[in-house]
Amino acid sequence: MPLRALIVEDEPLAARRLADMLARQPDPVQVAGTAEAVSQAVQLLQAGPAPDVLFLDIHLADGLSFEIFEQTPVRCPVIFTTAYDQYALQAFKVNSVDYLLKPIDEEELQTALRKLRERLPAAPAPAFDPALLAQLVQQMQQGAPPAASYKTQFVVRVGEHLKVVPLDQIAYFFSLEKATFLQTTEGRKFVVDYTMDQLEGLLDPRRFFRLNRAYLAQQSAIQDIIHYTNSRLQTVLKPTAPDAQVLVSREKVNVFKSWLDR
């Protein structure tokens, strides 16, 4: 039987990305439910049955995820997912299986799931510590943690020189003949030393969307969207893309619409 996961995450795009990553695993993980808030997570946990693992962000729409442990028993292992690495030590003290720093890396996710499977079926549920929660709440109220660390610029090579390309000057990235290119808004393209999968994790998902395996575009570069066959969508990028048609992958159409309509 596949593992069943509950994702507690207040950013819909991040939740969808994690769900997609779980589905792509060699042993796919089934997402039993998602929640954006402490109250929703408590309802799902109380309704049962308990999932095999809880992916838990720290900051949620209506408070801190540690409040879940106050309101209901959590009978499954926890993998924390958050951009705030200064809370890693405290998170581990509530007996989580692992700690994943956003943007989540695919290999780190695989390692966390492997560690979880090695501990099942005897993996313990988190041991809630009221004193620790009080300490965490006090720390977080004293100052908000820094925003997630996404790239703001790229360094590319131009002959014998290096050039810095700010994010605002990037229209999209694309792959061609086993190479990855950065396309600027001015119509220039440069080779970058990243794969498309790596770029997807390095870029702010509120600004960039992975249209398909070969294209990752900034929203401002999407000039038009056209209905295509079989419920698919075709995008028109500016500057013009090397491919005549840049289609949104069929499985991403609904996520893409939600991304545009947020």
C-alpha atoms as a PDB file:
ATOM      1  CA  MET A   1       0.000   0.000   0.000  1.00  0.00           C
ATOM      2  CA  PRO A   2       1.325   3.488  -0.810  1.00  0.00           C
ATOM      3  CA  LEU A   3       2.070   5.904   1.990  1.00  0.00           C
ATOM      4  CA  ARG A   4      -0.740   8.377   2.725  1.00  0.00           C
ATOM      5  CA  ALA A   5       0.276  11.977   3.419  1.00  0.00           C
ATOM      6  CA  LEU A   6      -1.497  15.021   4.784  1.00  0.00           C
ATOM      7  CA  ILE A   7      -0.055  18.330   3.536  1.00  0.00           C
ATOM      8  CA  VAL A   8      -0.524  21.357   5.811  1.00  0.00           C
ATOM      9  CA  GLU A   9       0.628  24.404   3.847  1.00  0.00           C
ATOM     10  CA  ASP A  10      -0.902  27.881   3.494  1.00  0.00           C
ATOM     11  CA  GLU A  11       0.576  28.600   0.037  1.00  0.00           C
ATOM     12  CA  PRO A  12      -1.516  26.726  -2.564  1.00  0.00           C
ATOM     13  CA  LEU A  13       1.290  26.738  -5.146  1.00  0.00           C
ATOM     14  CA  ALA A  14       3.751  25.252  -2.658  1.00  0.00           C
ATOM     15  CA  ALA A  15       1.193  22.605  -1.650  1.00  0.00           C
ATOM     16  CA  ARG A  16       0.580  21.653  -5.283  1.00  0.00           C
ATOM     17  CA  ARG A  17       4.291  21.500  -6.001  1.00  0.00           C
ATOM     18  CA  LEU A  18       4.868  19.183  -3.043  1.00  0.00           C
ATOM     19  CA  ALA A  19       1.924  17.003  -4.107  1.00  0.00           C
ATOM     20  CA  ASP A  20       3.400  16.762  -7.618  1.00  0.00           C
ATOM     21  CA  MET A  21       6.793  15.806  -6.201  1.00  0.00           C
ATOM     22  CA  LEU A  22       5.221  13.108  -4.019  1.00  0.00           C
ATOM     23  CA  ALA A  23       3.386  11.687  -7.043  1.00  0.00           C
ATOM     24  CA  ARG A  24       6.658  11.515  -8.997  1.00  0.00           C
ATOM     25  CA  GLN A  25       8.473   9.422  -6.395  1.00  0.00           C
ATOM     26  CA  PRO A  26       9.654   5.896  -7.350  1.00  0.00           C
ATOM     27  CA  ASP A  27       7.106   4.724  -4.767  1.00  0.00           C
ATOM     28  CA  PRO A  28       4.433   7.402  -5.204  1.00  0.00           C
ATOM     29  CA  VAL A  29       2.936   8.893  -2.043  1.00  0.00           C
ATOM     30  CA  GLN A  30      -0.829   9.390  -1.970  1.00  0.00           C
ATOM     31  CA  VAL A  31      -2.013  12.810  -0.757  1.00  0.00           C
ATOM     32  CA  ALA A  32      -4.918  12.058   1.564  1.00  0.00           C
ATOM     33  CA  GLY A  33      -5.749  15.725   2.106  1.00  0.00           C
ATOM     34  CA  THR A  34      -4.471  19.285   2.301  1.00  0.00           C
ATOM     35  CA  ALA A  35      -5.059  22.095   4.798  1.00  0.00           C
ATOM     36  CA  GLU A  36      -4.111  25.771   4.788  1.00  0.00           C
ATOM     37  CA  ALA A  37      -4.850  26.540   8.417  1.00  0.00           C
ATOM     38  CA  VAL A  38      -4.516  25.113  11.912  1.00  0.00           C
ATOM     39  CA  SER A  39      -8.296  24.702  12.176  1.00  0.00           C
ATOM     40  CA  GLN A  40      -8.524  22.765   8.896  1.00  0.00           C
ATOM     41  CA  ALA A  41      -5.628  20.490   9.859  1.00  0.00           C
ATOM     42  CA  VAL A  42      -7.232  19.736  13.228  1.00  0.00           C
ATOM     43  CA  GLN A  43     -10.534  18.820  11.535  1.00  0.00           C
ATOM     44  CA  LEU A  44      -8.820  16.449   9.095  1.00  0.00           C
ATOM     45  CA  LEU A  45      -6.778  14.767  11.824  1.00  0.00           C
ATOM     46  CA  GLN A  46      -9.807  14.334  14.057  1.00  0.00           C
ATOM     47  CA  ALA A  47     -11.911  12.954  11.202  1.00  0.00           C
ATOM     48  CA  GLY A  48      -9.340  10.187  10.592  1.00  0.00           C
ATOM     49  CA  PRO A  49      -7.989   7.820   9.589  1.00  0.00           C
ATOM     50  CA  ALA A  50      -4.536   9.057  10.565  1.00  0.00           C
ATOM     51  CA  PRO A  51      -2.146   9.555   7.623  1.00  0.00           C
ATOM     52  CA  ASP A  52       1.236   7.812   7.501  1.00  0.00           C
ATOM     53  CA  VAL A  53       3.058  11.151   7.517  1.00  0.00           C
ATOM     54  CA  LEU A  54       2.227  14.802   8.087  1.00  0.00           C
ATOM     55  CA  PHE A  55       4.021  17.435   5.963  1.00  0.00           C
ATOM     56  CA  LEU A  56       3.785  20.495   8.173  1.00  0.00           C
ATOM     57  CA  ASP A  57       4.679  24.117   7.480  1.00  0.00           C
ATOM     58  CA  ILE A  58       5.354  26.247  10.568  1.00  0.00           C
ATOM     59  CA  HIS A  59       3.501  29.462   9.663  1.00  0.00           C
ATOM     60  CA  LEU A  60      -0.102  28.865   8.588  1.00  0.00           C
ATOM     61  CA  ALA A  61      -3.007  31.116   7.638  1.00  0.00           C
ATOM     62  CA  ASP A  62      -4.419  31.287  11.177  1.00  0.00           C
ATOM     63  CA  GLY A  63      -1.378  30.764  13.380  1.00  0.00           C
ATOM     64  CA  LEU A  64       1.574  28.506  14.071  1.00  0.00           C
ATOM     65  CA  SER A  65       1.369  24.835  13.166  1.00  0.00           C
ATOM     66  CA  PHE A  66       2.561  23.888  16.653  1.00  0.00           C
ATOM     67  CA  GLU A  67      -0.914  24.852  17.854  1.00  0.00           C
ATOM     68  CA  ILE A  68      -2.224  21.703  16.135  1.00  0.00           C
ATOM     69  CA  PHE A  69      -0.534  19.597  18.830  1.00  0.00           C
ATOM     70  CA  GLU A  70      -2.424  21.522  21.502  1.00  0.00           C
ATOM     71  CA  GLN A  71      -5.811  20.906  19.940  1.00  0.00           C
ATOM     72  CA  THR A  72      -5.660  17.272  18.878  1.00  0.00           C
ATOM     73  CA  PRO A  73      -3.445  14.190  19.218  1.00  0.00           C
ATOM     74  CA  VAL A  74      -1.083  13.732  16.273  1.00  0.00           C
ATOM     75  CA  ARG A  75      -0.545   9.998  15.807  1.00  0.00           C
ATOM     76  CA  CYS A  76       1.790  10.036  12.818  1.00  0.00           C
ATOM     77  CA  PRO A  77       5.378  11.139  12.109  1.00  0.00           C
ATOM     78  CA  VAL A  78       5.968  14.712  10.952  1.00  0.00           C
ATOM     79  CA  ILE A  79       8.180  16.156   8.227  1.00  0.00           C
ATOM     80  CA  PHE A  80       8.458  19.919   8.645  1.00  0.00           C
ATOM     81  CA  THR A  81       8.541  22.047   5.471  1.00  0.00           C
ATOM     82  CA  THR A  82       9.411  25.697   5.942  1.00  0.00           C
ATOM     83  CA  ALA A  83      11.627  28.505   4.700  1.00  0.00           C
ATOM     84  CA  TYR A  84      12.704  29.405   8.226  1.00  0.00           C
ATOM     85  CA  ASP A  85      15.793  27.350   8.938  1.00  0.00           C
ATOM     86  CA  GLN A  86      16.506  29.054  12.268  1.00  0.00           C
ATOM     87  CA  TYR A  87      13.646  27.009  13.728  1.00  0.00           C
ATOM     88  CA  ALA A  88      15.068  23.659  12.616  1.00  0.00           C
ATOM     89  CA  LEU A  89      16.408  22.702  16.029  1.00  0.00           C
ATOM     90  CA  GLN A  90      13.159  23.491  17.775  1.00  0.00           C
ATOM     91  CA  ALA A  91      11.185  21.601  15.140  1.00  0.00           C
ATOM     92  CA  PHE A  92      13.259  18.477  15.667  1.00  0.00           C
ATOM     93  CA  LYS A  93      12.530  18.644  19.396  1.00  0.00           C
ATOM     94  CA  VAL A  94       8.931  17.705  18.690  1.00  0.00           C
ATOM     95  CA  ASN A  95      10.233  14.454  17.235  1.00  0.00           C
ATOM     96  CA  SER A  96       9.812  15.073  13.533  1.00  0.00           C
ATOM     97  CA  VAL A  97      11.170  12.562  11.043  1.00  0.00           C
ATOM     98  CA  ASP A  98      12.917  15.243   9.037  1.00  0.00           C
ATOM     99  CA  TYR A  99      13.125  18.918   8.176  1.00  0.00           C
ATOM    100  CA  LEU A 100      12.920  20.201   4.587  1.00  0.00           C
ATOM    101  CA  LEU A 101      13.907  23.760   3.761  1.00  0.00           C
ATOM    102  CA  LYS A 102      11.884  25.505   1.050  1.00  0.00           C
ATOM    103  CA  PRO A 103      12.092  25.427  -1.873  1.00  0.00           C
ATOM    104  CA  ILE A 104      12.073  21.672  -1.350  1.00  0.00           C
ATOM    105  CA  ASP A 105      14.773  19.725  -3.156  1.00  0.00           C
ATOM    106  CA  GLU A 106      13.656  16.494  -4.844  1.00  0.00           C
ATOM    107  CA  GLU A 107      16.621  14.479  -3.562  1.00  0.00           C
ATOM    108  CA  GLU A 108      16.136  15.735  -0.007  1.00  0.00           C
ATOM    109  CA  LEU A 109      12.478  14.727  -0.201  1.00  0.00           C
ATOM    110  CA  GLN A 110      13.463  11.239  -1.358  1.00  0.00           C
ATOM    111  CA  THR A 111      15.901  10.972   1.565  1.00  0.00           C
ATOM    112  CA  ALA A 112      13.230  12.042   4.050  1.00  0.00           C
ATOM    113  CA  LEU A 113      10.760   9.491   2.677  1.00  0.00           C
ATOM    114  CA  ARG A 114      13.376   6.759   2.767  1.00  0.00           C
ATOM    115  CA  LYS A 115      14.109   7.611   6.395  1.00  0.00           C
ATOM    116  CA  LEU A 116      10.383   7.482   7.139  1.00  0.00           C
ATOM    117  CA  ARG A 117       9.937   4.070   5.507  1.00  0.00           C
ATOM    118  CA  GLU A 118      12.884   2.693   7.478  1.00  0.00           C
ATOM    119  CA  ARG A 119      11.151   3.718  10.711  1.00  0.00           C
ATOM    120  CA  LEU A 120       7.680   2.460   9.808  1.00  0.00           C
ATOM    121  CA  PRO A 121       5.569   0.888  11.192  1.00  0.00           C
ATOM    122  CA  ALA A 122       7.223   1.777  14.493  1.00  0.00           C
ATOM    123  CA  ALA A 123       7.771   5.482  13.732  1.00  0.00           C
ATOM    124  CA  PRO A 124       6.643   7.392  16.846  1.00  0.00           C
ATOM    125  CA  ALA A 125       4.157  10.215  16.813  1.00  0.00           C
ATOM    126  CA  PRO A 126       5.493  13.655  17.764  1.00  0.00           C
ATOM    127  CA  ALA A 127       5.933  14.295  21.464  1.00  0.00           C
ATOM    128  CA  PHE A 128       4.269  17.651  22.112  1.00  0.00           C
ATOM    129  CA  ASP A 129       6.190  19.931  24.473  1.00  0.00           C
ATOM    130  CA  PRO A 130       4.110  22.890  25.788  1.00  0.00           C
ATOM    131  CA  ALA A 131       7.233  24.697  27.053  1.00  0.00           C
ATOM    132  CA  LEU A 132       8.824  24.469  23.623  1.00  0.00           C
ATOM    133  CA  LEU A 133       5.697  25.843  21.968  1.00  0.00           C
ATOM    134  CA  ALA A 134       5.650  28.829  24.317  1.00  0.00           C
ATOM    135  CA  GLN A 135       9.294  29.506  23.509  1.00  0.00           C
ATOM    136  CA  LEU A 136       8.686  29.298  19.768  1.00  0.00           C
ATOM    137  CA  VAL A 137       5.662  31.591  19.903  1.00  0.00           C
ATOM    138  CA  GLN A 138       7.654  34.172  21.854  1.00  0.00           C
ATOM    139  CA  GLN A 139      10.536  34.051  19.366  1.00  0.00           C
ATOM    140  CA  MET A 140       8.243  34.441  16.371  1.00  0.00           C
ATOM    141  CA  GLN A 141       6.303  37.309  17.904  1.00  0.00           C
ATOM    142  CA  GLN A 142       9.519  39.217  18.553  1.00  0.00           C
ATOM    143  CA  GLY A 143      10.349  39.324  14.875  1.00  0.00           C
ATOM    144  CA  ALA A 144       9.062  37.772  11.678  1.00  0.00           C
ATOM    145  CA  PRO A 145      11.459  35.349  10.010  1.00  0.00           C
ATOM    146  CA  PRO A 146      13.023  36.382   6.684  1.00  0.00           C
ATOM    147  CA  ALA A 147      11.230  35.606   3.443  1.00  0.00           C
ATOM    148  CA  ALA A 148      12.047  32.487   1.477  1.00  0.00           C
ATOM    149  CA  SER A 149      15.413  32.766  -0.243  1.00  0.00           C
ATOM    150  CA  TYR A 150      14.713  32.675  -3.979  1.00  0.00           C
ATOM    151  CA  LYS A 151      17.195  33.842  -6.585  1.00  0.00           C
ATOM    152  CA  THR A 152      17.049  37.510  -7.555  1.00  0.00           C
ATOM    153  CA  GLN A 153      19.664  37.439 -10.324  1.00  0.00           C
ATOM    154  CA  PHE A 154      21.787  35.116 -12.446  1.00  0.00           C
ATOM    155  CA  VAL A 155      25.427  35.341 -13.511  1.00  0.00           C
ATOM    156  CA  VAL A 156      26.024  34.362 -17.150  1.00  0.00           C
ATOM    157  CA  ARG A 157      29.093  34.219 -19.323  1.00  0.00           C
ATOM    158  CA  VAL A 158      29.522  36.561 -22.288  1.00  0.00           C
ATOM    159  CA  GLY A 159      32.741  35.636 -24.059  1.00  0.00           C
ATOM    160  CA  GLU A 160      35.488  36.147 -21.473  1.00  0.00           C
ATOM    161  CA  HIS A 161      33.247  38.300 -19.291  1.00  0.00           C
ATOM    162  CA  LEU A 162      30.608  37.660 -16.644  1.00  0.00           C
ATOM    163  CA  LYS A 163      27.283  39.472 -16.778  1.00  0.00           C
ATOM    164  CA  VAL A 164      24.688  39.802 -14.013  1.00  0.00           C
ATOM    165  CA  VAL A 165      21.094  39.476 -15.220  1.00  0.00           C
ATOM    166  CA  PRO A 166      18.499  40.698 -12.679  1.00  0.00           C
ATOM    167  CA  LEU A 167      15.288  38.706 -12.376  1.00  0.00           C
ATOM    168  CA  ASP A 168      13.197  41.564 -13.778  1.00  0.00           C
ATOM    169  CA  GLN A 169      15.130  41.288 -17.059  1.00  0.00           C
ATOM    170  CA  ILE A 170      14.407  37.561 -17.470  1.00  0.00           C
ATOM    171  CA  ALA A 171      11.407  36.554 -19.596  1.00  0.00           C
ATOM    172  CA  TYR A 172      11.733  32.788 -19.400  1.00  0.00           C
ATOM    173  CA  PHE A 173      14.055  29.796 -19.310  1.00  0.00           C
ATOM    174  CA  PHE A 174      14.012  26.993 -21.854  1.00  0.00           C
ATOM    175  CA  SER A 175      15.891  23.782 -22.591  1.00  0.00           C
ATOM    176  CA  LEU A 176      17.197  22.884 -26.027  1.00  0.00           C
ATOM    177  CA  GLU A 177      19.519  20.071 -27.084  1.00  0.00           C
ATOM    178  CA  LYS A 178      20.494  19.171 -23.505  1.00  0.00           C
ATOM    179  CA  ALA A 179      21.333  22.792 -22.613  1.00  0.00           C
ATOM    180  CA  THR A 180      19.371  25.307 -20.515  1.00  0.00           C
ATOM    181  CA  PHE A 181      19.001  28.899 -21.678  1.00  0.00           C
ATOM    182  CA  LEU A 182      17.985  32.165 -20.049  1.00  0.00           C
ATOM    183  CA  GLN A 183      15.942  34.413 -22.356  1.00  0.00           C
ATOM    184  CA  THR A 184      15.994  38.108 -21.506  1.00  0.00           C
ATOM    185  CA  THR A 185      13.214  40.610 -22.115  1.00  0.00           C
ATOM    186  CA  GLU A 186      15.554  42.329 -24.596  1.00  0.00           C
ATOM    187  CA  GLY A 187      15.732  39.237 -26.780  1.00  0.00           C
ATOM    188  CA  ARG A 188      19.144  37.905 -25.751  1.00  0.00           C
ATOM    189  CA  LYS A 189      19.757  34.351 -24.587  1.00  0.00           C
ATOM    190  CA  PHE A 190      22.489  32.917 -22.382  1.00  0.00           C
ATOM    191  CA  VAL A 191      23.412  29.411 -21.278  1.00  0.00           C
ATOM    192  CA  VAL A 192      22.937  28.786 -17.536  1.00  0.00           C
ATOM    193  CA  ASP A 193      24.428  25.988 -15.452  1.00  0.00           C
ATOM    194  CA  TYR A 194      21.122  24.734 -14.061  1.00  0.00           C
ATOM    195  CA  THR A 195      18.632  22.093 -15.095  1.00  0.00           C
ATOM    196  CA  MET A 196      14.999  23.036 -15.479  1.00  0.00           C
ATOM    197  CA  ASP A 197      14.138  21.059 -12.335  1.00  0.00           C
ATOM    198  CA  GLN A 198      16.759  22.987 -10.367  1.00  0.00           C
ATOM    199  CA  LEU A 199      15.467  26.316 -11.670  1.00  0.00           C
ATOM    200  CA  GLU A 200      11.926  25.446 -10.636  1.00  0.00           C
ATOM    201  CA  GLY A 201      13.094  25.203  -7.038  1.00  0.00           C
ATOM    202  CA  LEU A 202      15.283  28.336  -7.170  1.00  0.00           C
ATOM    203  CA  LEU A 203      12.655  30.729  -8.549  1.00  0.00           C
ATOM    204  CA  ASP A 204       9.744  32.320  -6.705  1.00  0.00           C
ATOM    205  CA  PRO A 205       6.662  30.248  -7.715  1.00  0.00           C
ATOM    206  CA  ARG A 206       4.518  33.360  -7.476  1.00  0.00           C
ATOM    207  CA  ARG A 207       6.424  34.837 -10.438  1.00  0.00           C
ATOM    208  CA  PHE A 208       7.502  31.821 -12.507  1.00  0.00           C
ATOM    209  CA  PHE A 209       5.552  28.806 -13.761  1.00  0.00           C
ATOM    210  CA  ARG A 210       6.831  25.567 -15.307  1.00  0.00           C
ATOM    211  CA  LEU A 211       4.667  25.413 -18.431  1.00  0.00           C
ATOM    212  CA  ASN A 212       6.079  22.078 -19.560  1.00  0.00           C
ATOM    213  CA  ARG A 213       9.337  20.130 -19.410  1.00  0.00           C
ATOM    214  CA  ALA A 214      11.124  22.650 -21.641  1.00  0.00           C
ATOM    215  CA  TYR A 215       9.762  26.064 -20.575  1.00  0.00           C
ATOM    216  CA  LEU A 216       9.644  27.980 -17.289  1.00  0.00           C
ATOM    217  CA  ALA A 217       8.208  31.469 -17.783  1.00  0.00           C
ATOM    218  CA  GLN A 218       7.779  34.658 -15.810  1.00  0.00           C
ATOM    219  CA  GLN A 219       4.144  35.779 -15.780  1.00  0.00           C
ATOM    220  CA  SER A 220       4.968  39.095 -17.454  1.00  0.00           C
ATOM    221  CA  ALA A 221       6.396  37.171 -20.449  1.00  0.00           C
ATOM    222  CA  ILE A 222       3.102  35.357 -21.146  1.00  0.00           C
ATOM    223  CA  GLN A 223       1.474  37.623 -23.732  1.00  0.00           C
ATOM    224  CA  ASP A 224      -1.448  35.431 -24.747  1.00  0.00           C
ATOM    225  CA  ILE A 225      -3.143  32.136 -23.840  1.00  0.00           C
ATOM    226  CA  ILE A 226      -5.067  30.190 -26.481  1.00  0.00           C
ATOM    227  CA  HIS A 227      -7.367  27.185 -26.095  1.00  0.00           C
ATOM    228  CA  TYR A 228      -5.777  24.174 -27.774  1.00  0.00           C
ATOM    229  CA  THR A 229      -7.041  20.669 -28.504  1.00  0.00           C
ATOM    230  CA  ASN A 230      -8.047  18.204 -25.768  1.00  0.00           C
ATOM    231  CA  SER A 231      -8.467  20.868 -23.068  1.00  0.00           C
ATOM    232  CA  ARG A 232      -4.867  21.999 -23.439  1.00  0.00           C
ATOM    233  CA  LEU A 233      -3.592  25.565 -23.524  1.00  0.00           C
ATOM    234  CA  GLN A 234      -1.071  27.241 -25.798  1.00  0.00           C
ATOM    235  CA  THR A 235       0.934  30.208 -24.537  1.00  0.00           C
ATOM    236  CA  VAL A 236       2.444  33.006 -26.582  1.00  0.00           C
ATOM    237  CA  LEU A 237       5.678  34.241 -25.036  1.00  0.00           C
ATOM    238  CA  LYS A 238       7.492  37.522 -25.528  1.00  0.00           C
ATOM    239  CA  PRO A 239      10.187  37.513 -26.842  1.00  0.00           C
ATOM    240  CA  THR A 240       9.061  34.829 -29.286  1.00  0.00           C
ATOM    241  CA  ALA A 241      10.028  31.354 -28.123  1.00  0.00           C
ATOM    242  CA  PRO A 242      12.288  29.076 -30.196  1.00  0.00           C
ATOM    243  CA  ASP A 243       9.462  26.510 -30.380  1.00  0.00           C
ATOM    244  CA  ALA A 244       6.525  27.353 -32.600  1.00  0.00           C
ATOM    245  CA  GLN A 245       4.092  26.181 -29.910  1.00  0.00           C
ATOM    246  CA  VAL A 246       4.621  26.382 -26.158  1.00  0.00           C
ATOM    247  CA  LEU A 247       1.882  24.245 -24.653  1.00  0.00           C
ATOM    248  CA  VAL A 248       0.962  23.917 -21.004  1.00  0.00           C
ATOM    249  CA  SER A 249       1.295  20.275 -19.971  1.00  0.00           C
ATOM    250  CA  ARG A 250      -2.136  18.640 -19.748  1.00  0.00           C
ATOM    251  CA  GLU A 251      -1.694  17.715 -16.085  1.00  0.00           C
ATOM    252  CA  LYS A 252      -0.778  21.332 -15.234  1.00  0.00           C
ATOM    253  CA  VAL A 253      -3.662  23.145 -16.936  1.00  0.00           C
ATOM    254  CA  ASN A 254      -5.820  23.505 -13.809  1.00  0.00           C
ATOM    255  CA  VAL A 255      -2.848  24.491 -11.643  1.00  0.00           C
ATOM    256  CA  PHE A 256      -1.824  27.033 -14.290  1.00  0.00           C
ATOM    257  CA  LYS A 257      -5.309  28.601 -14.295  1.00  0.00           C
ATOM    258  CA  SER A 258      -5.235  28.843 -10.497  1.00  0.00           C
ATOM    259  CA  TRP A 259      -1.774  30.416 -10.649  1.00  0.00           C
ATOM    260  CA  LEU A 260      -3.048  33.094 -13.041  1.00  0.00           C
ATOM    261  CA  ASP A 261      -6.207  33.724 -10.990  1.00  0.00           C
ATOM    262  CA  ARG A 262      -4.649  34.093  -7.548  1.00  0.00           C
END
